[in-house]
Each structure stands twice: as structure tokens, then as C-alpha cells.
C-alpha atoms as a PDB file:
ATOM      1  CA  MET A   1      90.718  28.404  85.830  1.00  0.00           C
ATOM      2  CA  ILE A   2      94.589  29.677  85.516  1.00  0.00           C
ATOM      3  CA  SER A   3      94.462  32.410  84.669  1.00  0.00           C
ATOM      4  CA  ILE A   4      93.476  35.597  86.046  1.00  0.00           C
ATOM      5  CA  SER A   5      93.246  39.215  84.084  1.00  0.00           C
ATOM      6  CA  LEU A   6      92.415  42.393  86.598  1.00  0.00           C
ATOM      7  CA  THR A   7      91.232  44.587  84.099  1.00  0.00           C
ATOM      8  CA  GLY A   8      89.480  48.443  84.697  1.00  0.00           C
ATOM      9  CA  GLY A   9      88.995  50.761  85.224  1.00  0.00           C
ATOM     10  CA  GLU A  10      92.329  50.704  86.982  1.00  0.00           C
ATOM     11  CA  PRO A  11      93.172  48.541  89.275  1.00  0.00           C
ATOM     12  CA  LEU A  12      96.179  50.131  90.685  1.00  0.00           C
ATOM     13  CA  LEU A  13      93.109  52.343  92.356  1.00  0.00           C
ATOM     14  CA  ARG A  14      92.575  48.846  94.536  1.00  0.00           C
ATOM     15  CA  PRO A  15      95.928  47.555  95.628  1.00  0.00           C
ATOM     16  CA  ASP A  16      94.189  46.194  98.850  1.00  0.00           C
ATOM     17  CA  VAL A  17      91.705  44.021  96.182  1.00  0.00           C
ATOM     18  CA  ILE A  18      94.252  43.443  94.224  1.00  0.00           C
ATOM     19  CA  GLU A  19      96.067  41.775  97.281  1.00  0.00           C
ATOM     20  CA  ALA A  20      93.189  39.651  97.896  1.00  0.00           C
ATOM     21  CA  ILE A  21      92.762  38.492  95.052  1.00  0.00           C
ATOM     22  CA  LEU A  22      96.219  37.116  95.187  1.00  0.00           C
ATOM     23  CA  GLU A  23      95.986  35.664  98.756  1.00  0.00           C
ATOM     24  CA  GLU A  24      92.883  33.723  97.411  1.00  0.00           C
ATOM     25  CA  MET A  25      94.603  32.625  93.838  1.00  0.00           C
ATOM     26  CA  LYS A  26      97.639  31.874  94.931  1.00  0.00           C
ATOM     27  CA  TRP A  27      98.483  28.595  92.356  1.00  0.00           C
ATOM     28  CA  ARG A  28      96.781  30.849  89.320  1.00  0.00           C
ATOM     29  CA  SER A  29      98.778  33.206  86.843  1.00  0.00           C
ATOM     30  CA  VAL A  30      97.630  37.289  87.467  1.00  0.00           C
ATOM     31  CA  SER A  31      98.215  39.827  85.163  1.00  0.00           C
ATOM     32  CA  ILE A  32      97.506  43.016  85.035  1.00  0.00           C
ATOM     33  CA  VAL A  33      96.082  45.331  82.685  1.00  0.00           C
ATOM     34  CA  THR A  34      96.931  49.449  83.767  1.00  0.00           C
ATOM     35  CA  ASN A  35      97.056  52.344  81.417  1.00  0.00           C
ATOM     36  CA  GLY A  36     100.692  52.923  83.785  1.00  0.00           C
ATOM     37  CA  ALA A  37     100.183  56.425  85.102  1.00  0.00           C
ATOM     38  CA  LEU A  38     100.249  54.638  88.725  1.00  0.00           C
ATOM     39  CA  PRO A  39     103.477  53.129  89.838  1.00  0.00           C
ATOM     40  CA  LEU A  40     103.380  49.508  88.851  1.00  0.00           C
ATOM     41  CA  VAL A  41     104.204  47.699  92.556  1.00  0.00           C
ATOM     42  CA  ASP A  42     105.714  44.454  92.841  1.00  0.00           C
ATOM     43  CA  PHE A  43     102.843  42.254  92.605  1.00  0.00           C
ATOM     44  CA  ASP A  44     104.924  39.399  91.374  1.00  0.00           C
ATOM     45  CA  VAL A  45     102.329  39.567  87.892  1.00  0.00           C
ATOM     46  CA  ARG A  46     101.875  40.427  84.628  1.00  0.00           C
ATOM     47  CA  TYR A  47     101.519  43.560  83.754  1.00  0.00           C
ATOM     48  CA  PHE A  48     100.001  44.726  80.589  1.00  0.00           C
ATOM     49  CA  ILE A  49     100.585  49.057  79.913  1.00  0.00           C
ATOM     50  CA  SER A  50      98.179  50.558  77.210  1.00  0.00           C
ATOM     51  CA  ILE A  51     100.385  52.555  75.095  1.00  0.00           C
ATOM     52  CA  ASP A  52      98.885  54.273  72.353  1.00  0.00           C
ATOM     53  CA  GLY A  53     101.938  54.812  70.110  1.00  0.00           C
ATOM     54  CA  THR A  54     105.155  57.738  70.139  1.00  0.00           C
ATOM     55  CA  GLU A  55     104.898  60.233  73.181  1.00  0.00           C
ATOM     56  CA  ARG A  56     103.543  63.076  70.797  1.00  0.00           C
ATOM     57  CA  ILE A  57     100.685  60.685  69.182  1.00  0.00           C
ATOM     58  CA  HIS A  58     100.063  59.146  72.913  1.00  0.00           C
ATOM     59  CA  ASN A  59      99.482  62.269  74.429  1.00  0.00           C
ATOM     60  CA  ARG A  60      97.147  63.129  72.053  1.00  0.00           C
ATOM     61  CA  ILE A  61      94.998  60.365  72.173  1.00  0.00           C
ATOM     62  CA  ARG A  62      94.795  59.990  75.989  1.00  0.00           C
ATOM     63  CA  SER A  63      93.799  64.252  75.697  1.00  0.00           C
ATOM     64  CA  MET A  64      96.824  64.751  78.711  1.00  0.00           C
ATOM     65  CA  GLU A  65     100.892  64.382  79.090  1.00  0.00           C
ATOM     66  CA  ILE A  66     101.647  61.076  80.827  1.00  0.00           C
ATOM     67  CA  TYR A  67     103.758  58.873  78.407  1.00  0.00           C
ATOM     68  CA  LYS A  68     106.838  60.149  80.601  1.00  0.00           C
ATOM     69  CA  ARG A  69     105.120  59.183  83.130  1.00  0.00           C
ATOM     70  CA  VAL A  70     103.730  56.004  82.229  1.00  0.00           C
ATOM     71  CA  LYS A  71     107.454  54.889  80.472  1.00  0.00           C
ATOM     72  CA  GLN A  72     109.586  55.796  83.762  1.00  0.00           C
ATOM     73  CA  ASN A  73     107.300  53.712  85.584  1.00  0.00           C
ATOM     74  CA  VAL A  74     107.724  50.973  83.221  1.00  0.00           C
ATOM     75  CA  ILE A  75     111.546  51.809  84.107  1.00  0.00           C
ATOM     76  CA  ASP A  76     110.793  51.523  87.940  1.00  0.00           C
ATOM     77  CA  HIS A  77     109.512  48.651  87.502  1.00  0.00           C
ATOM     78  CA  PRO A  78     111.563  45.940  89.663  1.00  0.00           C
ATOM     79  CA  GLU A  79     109.602  42.623  88.071  1.00  0.00           C
ATOM     80  CA  LYS A  80     110.162  43.859  84.282  1.00  0.00           C
ATOM     81  CA  ASP A  81     107.119  41.708  83.512  1.00  0.00           C
ATOM     82  CA  VAL A  82     105.816  43.983  81.184  1.00  0.00           C
ATOM     83  CA  VAL A  83     103.980  43.442  77.948  1.00  0.00           C
ATOM     84  CA  ILE A  84     103.058  46.597  76.084  1.00  0.00           C
ATOM     85  CA  ASN A  85      99.431  46.574  74.175  1.00  0.00           C
ATOM     86  CA  MET A  86      98.850  48.651  71.881  1.00  0.00           C
ATOM     87  CA  THR A  87      95.626  49.367  69.683  1.00  0.00           C
ATOM     88  CA  ILE A  88      96.048  50.531  66.068  1.00  0.00           C
ATOM     89  CA  ASN A  89      93.900  52.879  64.456  1.00  0.00           C
ATOM     90  CA  THR A  90      93.886  56.217  61.880  1.00  0.00           C
ATOM     91  CA  LEU A  91      95.895  58.078  64.295  1.00  0.00           C
ATOM     92  CA  ASN A  92      98.613  55.598  65.387  1.00  0.00           C
ATOM     93  CA  TYR A  93      98.651  53.313  62.884  1.00  0.00           C
ATOM     94  CA  GLU A  94     102.070  55.459  61.233  1.00  0.00           C
ATOM     95  CA  CYS A  95     104.344  55.041  63.843  1.00  0.00           C
ATOM     96  CA  ILE A  96     104.470  51.211  65.332  1.00  0.00           C
ATOM     97  CA  GLU A  97     107.886  50.797  64.482  1.00  0.00           C
ATOM     98  CA  GLU A  98     108.802  54.222  66.509  1.00  0.00           C
ATOM     99  CA  ALA A  99     106.479  52.839  69.018  1.00  0.00           C
ATOM    100  CA  VAL A 100     108.102  49.108  69.411  1.00  0.00           C
ATOM    101  CA  ARG A 101     112.009  50.315  68.735  1.00  0.00           C
ATOM    102  CA  GLU A 102     110.990  53.238  71.909  1.00  0.00           C
ATOM    103  CA  TRP A 103     109.808  49.893  74.038  1.00  0.00           C
ATOM    104  CA  TYR A 104     111.922  47.581  73.174  1.00  0.00           C
ATOM    105  CA  ASP A 105     114.092  46.875  75.714  1.00  0.00           C
ATOM    106  CA  PHE A 106     111.563  47.647  78.640  1.00  0.00           C
ATOM    107  CA  ALA A 107     108.674  45.165  77.851  1.00  0.00           C
ATOM    108  CA  ARG A 108     108.698  41.658  77.325  1.00  0.00           C
ATOM    109  CA  ALA A 109     106.239  41.451  74.371  1.00  0.00           C
ATOM    110  CA  PHE A 110     104.332  43.314  72.448  1.00  0.00           C
ATOM    111  CA  ILE A 111     100.321  42.883  71.836  1.00  0.00           C
ATOM    112  CA  PHE A 112      98.479  45.010  68.902  1.00  0.00           C
ATOM    113  CA  GLN A 113      94.739  45.139  68.435  1.00  0.00           C
ATOM    114  CA  PHE A 114      92.785  47.051  65.861  1.00  0.00           C
ATOM    115  CA  HIS A 115      90.006  49.254  66.779  1.00  0.00           C
ATOM    116  CA  THR A 116      87.135  48.061  66.184  1.00  0.00           C
ATOM    117  CA  PRO A 117      83.674  49.968  65.866  1.00  0.00           C
ATOM    118  CA  PHE A 118      80.764  48.928  68.273  1.00  0.00           C
ATOM    119  CA  SER A 119      78.535  49.986  65.713  1.00  0.00           C
ATOM    120  CA  TYR A 120      78.138  49.962  61.797  1.00  0.00           C
ATOM    121  CA  ASP A 121      77.378  53.385  62.155  1.00  0.00           C
ATOM    122  CA  ASP A 122      80.195  54.037  63.683  1.00  0.00           C
ATOM    123  CA  ASN A 123      81.841  57.969  62.854  1.00  0.00           C
ATOM    124  CA  SER A 124      84.672  58.076  65.085  1.00  0.00           C
ATOM    125  CA  GLY A 125      86.856  58.290  62.277  1.00  0.00           C
ATOM    126  CA  LEU A 126      89.291  55.297  64.442  1.00  0.00           C
ATOM    127  CA  PHE A 127      88.593  52.346  62.488  1.00  0.00           C
ATOM    128  CA  LEU A 128      90.808  52.081  59.716  1.00  0.00           C
ATOM    129  CA  SER A 129      90.657  52.139  55.920  1.00  0.00           C
ATOM    130  CA  ASP A 130      91.534  49.792  53.414  1.00  0.00           C
ATOM    131  CA  THR A 131      94.440  52.173  52.000  1.00  0.00           C
ATOM    132  CA  GLU A 132      95.540  52.992  55.418  1.00  0.00           C
ATOM    133  CA  TRP A 133      95.096  49.177  56.387  1.00  0.00           C
ATOM    134  CA  PHE A 134      97.770  48.124  53.310  1.00  0.00           C
ATOM    135  CA  ARG A 135      99.902  51.366  54.792  1.00  0.00           C
ATOM    136  CA  MET A 136     100.064  50.237  58.357  1.00  0.00           C
ATOM    137  CA  VAL A 137     100.873  45.792  56.556  1.00  0.00           C
ATOM    138  CA  LYS A 138     103.728  47.627  54.536  1.00  0.00           C
ATOM    139  CA  VAL A 139     104.394  49.110  58.382  1.00  0.00           C
ATOM    140  CA  ALA A 140     104.000  46.116  60.498  1.00  0.00           C
ATOM    141  CA  LYS A 141     106.688  44.393  57.724  1.00  0.00           C
ATOM    142  CA  ARG A 142     109.233  46.967  58.852  1.00  0.00           C
ATOM    143  CA  VAL A 143     108.871  45.279  62.627  1.00  0.00           C
ATOM    144  CA  THR A 144     109.632  41.944  61.794  1.00  0.00           C
ATOM    145  CA  PRO A 145     113.014  42.517  63.220  1.00  0.00           C
ATOM    146  CA  PHE A 146     111.295  42.668  66.643  1.00  0.00           C
ATOM    147  CA  LYS A 147     109.666  39.462  65.826  1.00  0.00           C
ATOM    148  CA  ASP A 148     110.552  37.800  69.416  1.00  0.00           C
ATOM    149  CA  LYS A 149     109.009  40.331  70.578  1.00  0.00           C
ATOM    150  CA  VAL A 150     105.781  41.167  69.076  1.00  0.00           C
ATOM    151  CA  SER A 151     102.728  39.729  68.454  1.00  0.00           C
END
């Protein structure tokens, strides 16, 4: 094992556990997956921050006004070893380009994944239809100028 990712709940609620893991696993690469609502501690790790789109879309999906706090926490993070992680769904697929522009200067990279239903009878309305998928591909093509940071 050469790499460890600490995921939630919210790992930053337990900095003591993070410190213990870092002490025990000194020779391993450690990353923390977080919603970014708590200040990012200088643990010398890579942070993966979950962002759901632009401020309006992110706050709508999260059902709370936290976008500005998350962005400020990233800006205030001394290491700047931050990767933006965005799950694409029917609520945010049209704002990918704008979200990348908003976060470009603060992130080392961007990762996009797609909402995956838990079952075939998923009725959340978040899974992209074929039409939405093709529209999203057109949007994604406009992001190619940022290809040095997008995967």
C-alpha cells in the first residue's frame, strides 16, 4: 500500500485521527476527501474538494449556503495542493466550464465523475439522459483549453 485516502463522513472533524494516521504512515502518500466547509489544515497532504458547480448550483445541491466558505478555505490553504472533484448530474452539467474558470487559479487539477444511480429504478432525476449526455460533451469540449488540469 503506497497511498491512502481519508474519506467521510468528514475527515476534518477528527484532526487527531488524521495526525495519528500521518504519524503511522509517514512513507505513504495521504489524501483527504472533504466538502471543504472546514478550514484546511496544513497536514502536508493533497486535498480533494467536492464542488458541485457554480455558487448557485453548489448551494442548491448542498441545500446550504457554503460555497463562499469553501472557496475561502481553499484560498487560505497554505499548500495549494487541492484537486477539485465534481460529480456531474442533471443539475450541474451545463455549468462545468464556468466552474472550471472559477476554480482554475486555486486548484492543481479537476476530476469529473458522473452521478451513478444506486439501482435501475433510481428516480432521483440526477442521471444524465442521452440528450443531456451529448449536450454535456459539447460543454466539456469547451473546457479543453484547461486540459493541463482536467482529467
